[in-house]
Amino acid sequence: RMRRGPTPTFTFTADMDCSQLDKLDISFAQRDEVVLSKGLADCVISGNEITVSLAEEDTLLFDSRKNPVRIQLRAGIGDTRIASNMMHTTAEAILKDGCLE
């Protein structure tokens, strides 16, 4: 589960060495609409792990009434492209909306 507002870190484990990736898109969608995408520059790659942290503003983009949140990674090395299976989480509600000041 992911709560709206905090700054979660997602770590994805692949069945390959990811250090050679030259393209990467991590898409987060609700109700078939992409809400947020993160790219290679947003991630830390170590061996077969891809880590991405979301900012407060990122998690506030999700609507807790439109669960689930679907996540998919698409990546490339040269002309080769791969896509992960869909992963699911939820966007949990918070009492007071907006960024902390």
N, C-alpha and C. Protein backbone atom coordinates (compact mmCIF):
# COMPACT_ATOMS: atom_id res chain seq x y z
N ARG A 1 0.83 -1.19 0.00
CA ARG A 1 0.00 0.00 0.00
C ARG A 1 0.87 1.25 0.00
N MET A 2 0.35 2.28 -0.61
CA MET A 2 1.02 3.56 -0.66
C MET A 2 0.04 4.61 -0.15
N ARG A 3 0.46 5.38 0.80
CA ARG A 3 -0.40 6.45 1.30
C ARG A 3 -0.09 7.72 0.52
N ARG A 4 -1.09 8.51 0.24
CA ARG A 4 -0.90 9.79 -0.44
C ARG A 4 -0.14 10.74 0.50
N GLY A 5 0.81 11.49 -0.02
CA GLY A 5 1.52 12.48 0.77
C GLY A 5 2.93 12.10 1.18
N PRO A 6 3.17 10.91 1.73
CA PRO A 6 4.54 10.54 2.09
C PRO A 6 5.45 10.38 0.86
N THR A 7 6.69 10.04 1.11
CA THR A 7 7.70 9.92 0.06
C THR A 7 8.24 8.49 0.01
N PRO A 8 7.47 7.55 -0.54
CA PRO A 8 7.88 6.15 -0.54
C PRO A 8 8.99 5.86 -1.54
N THR A 9 9.71 4.79 -1.27
CA THR A 9 10.73 4.28 -2.19
C THR A 9 10.29 2.90 -2.64
N PHE A 10 10.30 2.69 -3.94
CA PHE A 10 9.96 1.39 -4.53
C PHE A 10 11.24 0.75 -5.04
N THR A 11 11.43 -0.52 -4.74
CA THR A 11 12.55 -1.28 -5.26
C THR A 11 12.00 -2.45 -6.05
N PHE A 12 12.41 -2.54 -7.31
CA PHE A 12 11.97 -3.60 -8.20
C PHE A 12 13.16 -4.51 -8.47
N THR A 13 12.96 -5.80 -8.37
CA THR A 13 14.02 -6.77 -8.62
C THR A 13 13.74 -7.46 -9.95
N ALA A 14 14.70 -7.35 -10.86
CA ALA A 14 14.57 -7.95 -12.19
C ALA A 14 15.32 -9.27 -12.25
N ASP A 15 15.04 -10.04 -13.27
CA ASP A 15 15.74 -11.32 -13.45
C ASP A 15 16.94 -11.16 -14.39
N MET A 16 17.47 -9.94 -14.42
CA MET A 16 18.63 -9.66 -15.28
C MET A 16 19.45 -8.52 -14.65
N ASP A 17 20.65 -8.36 -15.12
CA ASP A 17 21.49 -7.24 -14.70
C ASP A 17 20.97 -5.98 -15.39
N CYS A 18 20.59 -5.00 -14.63
CA CYS A 18 19.98 -3.78 -15.18
C CYS A 18 20.99 -2.67 -15.44
N SER A 19 22.25 -2.90 -15.14
CA SER A 19 23.26 -1.83 -15.25
C SER A 19 23.48 -1.35 -16.68
N GLN A 20 23.08 -2.15 -17.67
CA GLN A 20 23.28 -1.77 -19.07
C GLN A 20 22.07 -1.07 -19.69
N LEU A 21 20.99 -0.89 -18.90
CA LEU A 21 19.80 -0.23 -19.45
C LEU A 21 20.13 1.18 -19.93
N ASP A 22 19.65 1.52 -21.13
CA ASP A 22 19.81 2.90 -21.60
C ASP A 22 18.46 3.59 -21.76
N LYS A 23 17.38 2.85 -21.52
CA LYS A 23 16.04 3.42 -21.53
C LYS A 23 15.24 2.78 -20.40
N LEU A 24 14.42 3.58 -19.74
CA LEU A 24 13.60 3.05 -18.66
C LEU A 24 12.40 3.96 -18.44
N ASP A 25 11.24 3.35 -18.31
CA ASP A 25 10.03 4.08 -17.94
C ASP A 25 9.30 3.26 -16.88
N ILE A 26 9.00 3.89 -15.77
CA ILE A 26 8.17 3.28 -14.74
C ILE A 26 6.88 4.08 -14.71
N SER A 27 5.79 3.43 -15.12
CA SER A 27 4.49 4.11 -15.20
C SER A 27 3.59 3.65 -14.07
N PHE A 28 2.92 4.62 -13.46
CA PHE A 28 1.95 4.38 -12.41
C PHE A 28 0.60 4.86 -12.96
N ALA A 29 -0.40 3.99 -12.98
CA ALA A 29 -1.68 4.32 -13.59
C ALA A 29 -2.85 3.99 -12.67
N GLN A 30 -3.91 4.75 -12.84
CA GLN A 30 -5.18 4.46 -12.19
C GLN A 30 -6.26 4.57 -13.26
N ARG A 31 -7.15 3.59 -13.27
CA ARG A 31 -8.26 3.57 -14.24
C ARG A 31 -7.79 3.80 -15.67
N ASP A 32 -6.74 3.08 -16.05
CA ASP A 32 -6.19 3.10 -17.41
C ASP A 32 -5.62 4.45 -17.84
N GLU A 33 -5.36 5.34 -16.89
CA GLU A 33 -4.68 6.60 -17.20
C GLU A 33 -3.37 6.67 -16.43
N VAL A 34 -2.29 6.96 -17.16
CA VAL A 34 -1.00 7.11 -16.50
C VAL A 34 -1.03 8.39 -15.67
N VAL A 35 -0.79 8.24 -14.38
CA VAL A 35 -0.80 9.36 -13.44
C VAL A 35 0.61 9.92 -13.28
N LEU A 36 1.61 9.04 -13.33
CA LEU A 36 2.99 9.43 -13.06
C LEU A 36 3.93 8.51 -13.81
N SER A 37 4.99 9.07 -14.39
CA SER A 37 6.05 8.29 -15.02
C SER A 37 7.39 8.75 -14.48
N LYS A 38 8.26 7.80 -14.25
CA LYS A 38 9.63 8.08 -13.83
C LYS A 38 10.57 7.44 -14.83
N GLY A 39 11.69 8.10 -15.11
CA GLY A 39 12.63 7.60 -16.09
C GLY A 39 13.95 7.19 -15.47
N LEU A 40 14.88 6.86 -16.32
CA LEU A 40 16.20 6.38 -15.91
C LEU A 40 16.89 7.36 -14.97
N ALA A 41 16.78 8.65 -15.26
CA ALA A 41 17.44 9.67 -14.44
C ALA A 41 16.86 9.76 -13.02
N ASP A 42 15.64 9.25 -12.83
CA ASP A 42 14.97 9.29 -11.53
C ASP A 42 15.31 8.08 -10.66
N CYS A 43 16.03 7.11 -11.21
CA CYS A 43 16.23 5.82 -10.55
C CYS A 43 17.67 5.59 -10.15
N VAL A 44 17.85 4.68 -9.21
CA VAL A 44 19.16 4.17 -8.85
C VAL A 44 19.16 2.71 -9.25
N ILE A 45 20.16 2.31 -10.01
CA ILE A 45 20.25 0.92 -10.47
C ILE A 45 21.49 0.28 -9.87
N SER A 46 21.28 -0.88 -9.28
CA SER A 46 22.37 -1.64 -8.68
C SER A 46 22.15 -3.12 -9.00
N GLY A 47 22.95 -3.63 -9.91
CA GLY A 47 22.80 -5.04 -10.31
C GLY A 47 21.44 -5.28 -10.93
N ASN A 48 20.65 -6.14 -10.28
CA ASN A 48 19.32 -6.45 -10.82
C ASN A 48 18.21 -5.68 -10.10
N GLU A 49 18.57 -4.64 -9.34
CA GLU A 49 17.57 -3.85 -8.63
C GLU A 49 17.45 -2.44 -9.20
N ILE A 50 16.21 -1.99 -9.33
CA ILE A 50 15.89 -0.64 -9.77
C ILE A 50 15.12 0.02 -8.63
N THR A 51 15.62 1.13 -8.14
CA THR A 51 14.99 1.83 -7.02
C THR A 51 14.56 3.22 -7.47
N VAL A 52 13.33 3.58 -7.12
CA VAL A 52 12.82 4.91 -7.44
C VAL A 52 12.09 5.45 -6.21
N SER A 53 12.34 6.70 -5.90
CA SER A 53 11.66 7.36 -4.78
C SER A 53 10.67 8.36 -5.33
N LEU A 54 9.50 8.41 -4.71
CA LEU A 54 8.48 9.36 -5.12
C LEU A 54 8.47 10.54 -4.16
N ALA A 55 8.27 11.72 -4.70
CA ALA A 55 8.18 12.94 -3.90
C ALA A 55 6.76 13.08 -3.36
N GLU A 56 6.62 13.96 -2.39
CA GLU A 56 5.31 14.25 -1.81
C GLU A 56 4.32 14.66 -2.91
N GLU A 57 4.77 15.52 -3.82
CA GLU A 57 3.91 15.98 -4.92
C GLU A 57 3.50 14.82 -5.82
N ASP A 58 4.38 13.83 -5.98
CA ASP A 58 4.06 12.66 -6.81
C ASP A 58 2.91 11.86 -6.21
N THR A 59 3.00 11.54 -4.93
CA THR A 59 1.97 10.68 -4.33
C THR A 59 0.64 11.40 -4.20
N LEU A 60 0.67 12.72 -4.14
CA LEU A 60 -0.58 13.48 -4.06
C LEU A 60 -1.33 13.50 -5.38
N LEU A 61 -0.70 13.05 -6.46
CA LEU A 61 -1.36 12.96 -7.76
C LEU A 61 -2.39 11.83 -7.81
N PHE A 62 -2.23 10.84 -6.92
CA PHE A 62 -3.11 9.68 -6.94
C PHE A 62 -4.42 9.98 -6.21
N ASP A 63 -5.48 9.28 -6.63
CA ASP A 63 -6.81 9.44 -6.06
C ASP A 63 -7.15 8.17 -5.29
N SER A 64 -7.36 8.29 -3.99
CA SER A 64 -7.65 7.11 -3.17
C SER A 64 -8.99 6.46 -3.53
N ARG A 65 -9.82 7.14 -4.30
CA ARG A 65 -11.11 6.58 -4.72
C ARG A 65 -10.99 5.83 -6.04
N LYS A 66 -9.80 5.83 -6.64
CA LYS A 66 -9.62 5.19 -7.96
C LYS A 66 -8.64 4.02 -7.91
N ASN A 67 -8.64 3.28 -6.82
CA ASN A 67 -7.73 2.13 -6.70
C ASN A 67 -8.17 1.00 -7.61
N PRO A 68 -7.24 0.16 -8.03
CA PRO A 68 -5.85 0.07 -7.63
C PRO A 68 -4.95 1.00 -8.45
N VAL A 69 -3.71 1.11 -7.98
CA VAL A 69 -2.64 1.75 -8.75
C VAL A 69 -1.89 0.62 -9.42
N ARG A 70 -1.78 0.69 -10.74
CA ARG A 70 -1.02 -0.32 -11.48
C ARG A 70 0.34 0.26 -11.84
N ILE A 71 1.36 -0.58 -11.75
CA ILE A 71 2.74 -0.16 -12.02
C ILE A 71 3.33 -1.11 -13.05
N GLN A 72 4.02 -0.53 -14.04
CA GLN A 72 4.71 -1.36 -15.03
C GLN A 72 6.02 -0.69 -15.41
N LEU A 73 7.06 -1.50 -15.54
CA LEU A 73 8.36 -1.03 -16.01
C LEU A 73 8.53 -1.45 -17.45
N ARG A 74 9.02 -0.52 -18.27
CA ARG A 74 9.44 -0.82 -19.63
C ARG A 74 10.87 -0.35 -19.74
N ALA A 75 11.70 -1.17 -20.39
CA ALA A 75 13.12 -0.85 -20.43
C ALA A 75 13.71 -1.23 -21.78
N GLY A 76 14.89 -0.68 -22.03
CA GLY A 76 15.58 -0.99 -23.27
C GLY A 76 17.08 -0.98 -23.11
N ILE A 77 17.70 -1.84 -23.90
CA ILE A 77 19.15 -1.87 -24.08
C ILE A 77 19.36 -1.89 -25.58
N GLY A 78 19.90 -0.78 -26.12
CA GLY A 78 20.02 -0.69 -27.57
C GLY A 78 18.65 -0.75 -28.21
N ASP A 79 18.47 -1.71 -29.15
CA ASP A 79 17.18 -1.87 -29.84
C ASP A 79 16.27 -2.88 -29.17
N THR A 80 16.71 -3.51 -28.09
CA THR A 80 15.92 -4.51 -27.40
C THR A 80 15.00 -3.84 -26.38
N ARG A 81 13.75 -4.25 -26.34
CA ARG A 81 12.77 -3.69 -25.41
C ARG A 81 12.14 -4.80 -24.60
N ILE A 82 11.89 -4.52 -23.31
CA ILE A 82 11.22 -5.48 -22.44
C ILE A 82 10.18 -4.74 -21.61
N ALA A 83 9.20 -5.47 -21.10
CA ALA A 83 8.17 -4.90 -20.24
C ALA A 83 7.91 -5.87 -19.11
N SER A 84 7.70 -5.35 -17.92
CA SER A 84 7.41 -6.19 -16.76
C SER A 84 5.94 -6.57 -16.73
N ASN A 85 5.63 -7.52 -15.89
CA ASN A 85 4.24 -7.80 -15.57
C ASN A 85 3.67 -6.59 -14.82
N MET A 86 2.36 -6.48 -14.81
CA MET A 86 1.71 -5.42 -14.04
C MET A 86 1.81 -5.74 -12.55
N MET A 87 2.09 -4.72 -11.77
CA MET A 87 2.09 -4.83 -10.31
C MET A 87 0.99 -3.92 -9.80
N HIS A 88 0.46 -4.24 -8.63
CA HIS A 88 -0.66 -3.46 -8.09
C HIS A 88 -0.38 -3.03 -6.66
N THR A 89 -0.84 -1.83 -6.35
CA THR A 89 -0.83 -1.33 -4.99
C THR A 89 -2.08 -0.46 -4.84
N THR A 90 -2.22 0.18 -3.72
CA THR A 90 -3.35 1.09 -3.53
C THR A 90 -2.83 2.45 -3.09
N ALA A 91 -3.62 3.47 -3.34
CA ALA A 91 -3.32 4.83 -2.86
C ALA A 91 -4.27 5.09 -1.70
N GLU A 92 -3.74 5.12 -0.50
CA GLU A 92 -4.56 5.28 0.69
C GLU A 92 -4.82 6.75 0.98
N ALA A 93 -5.97 7.04 1.54
CA ALA A 93 -6.40 8.41 1.82
C ALA A 93 -5.60 9.05 2.96
N ILE A 94 -5.59 10.38 2.96
CA ILE A 94 -5.08 11.18 4.08
C ILE A 94 -6.18 12.16 4.47
N LEU A 95 -6.12 12.64 5.69
CA LEU A 95 -7.19 13.54 6.16
C LEU A 95 -7.09 14.93 5.57
N LYS A 96 -5.89 15.48 5.50
CA LYS A 96 -5.72 16.84 4.98
C LYS A 96 -4.88 16.77 3.72
N ASP A 97 -5.43 17.23 2.61
CA ASP A 97 -4.74 17.16 1.33
C ASP A 97 -3.69 18.27 1.24
N GLY A 98 -2.76 18.10 0.33
CA GLY A 98 -1.75 19.13 0.05
C GLY A 98 -0.41 18.80 0.67
N CYS A 99 0.60 19.51 0.19
CA CYS A 99 1.96 19.34 0.70
C CYS A 99 2.10 19.98 2.07
N LEU A 100 2.96 19.40 2.87
CA LEU A 100 3.26 20.00 4.17
C LEU A 100 4.06 21.29 3.96
N GLU A 101 3.78 22.26 4.78
CA GLU A 101 4.51 23.54 4.67
C GLU A 101 5.52 23.67 5.78
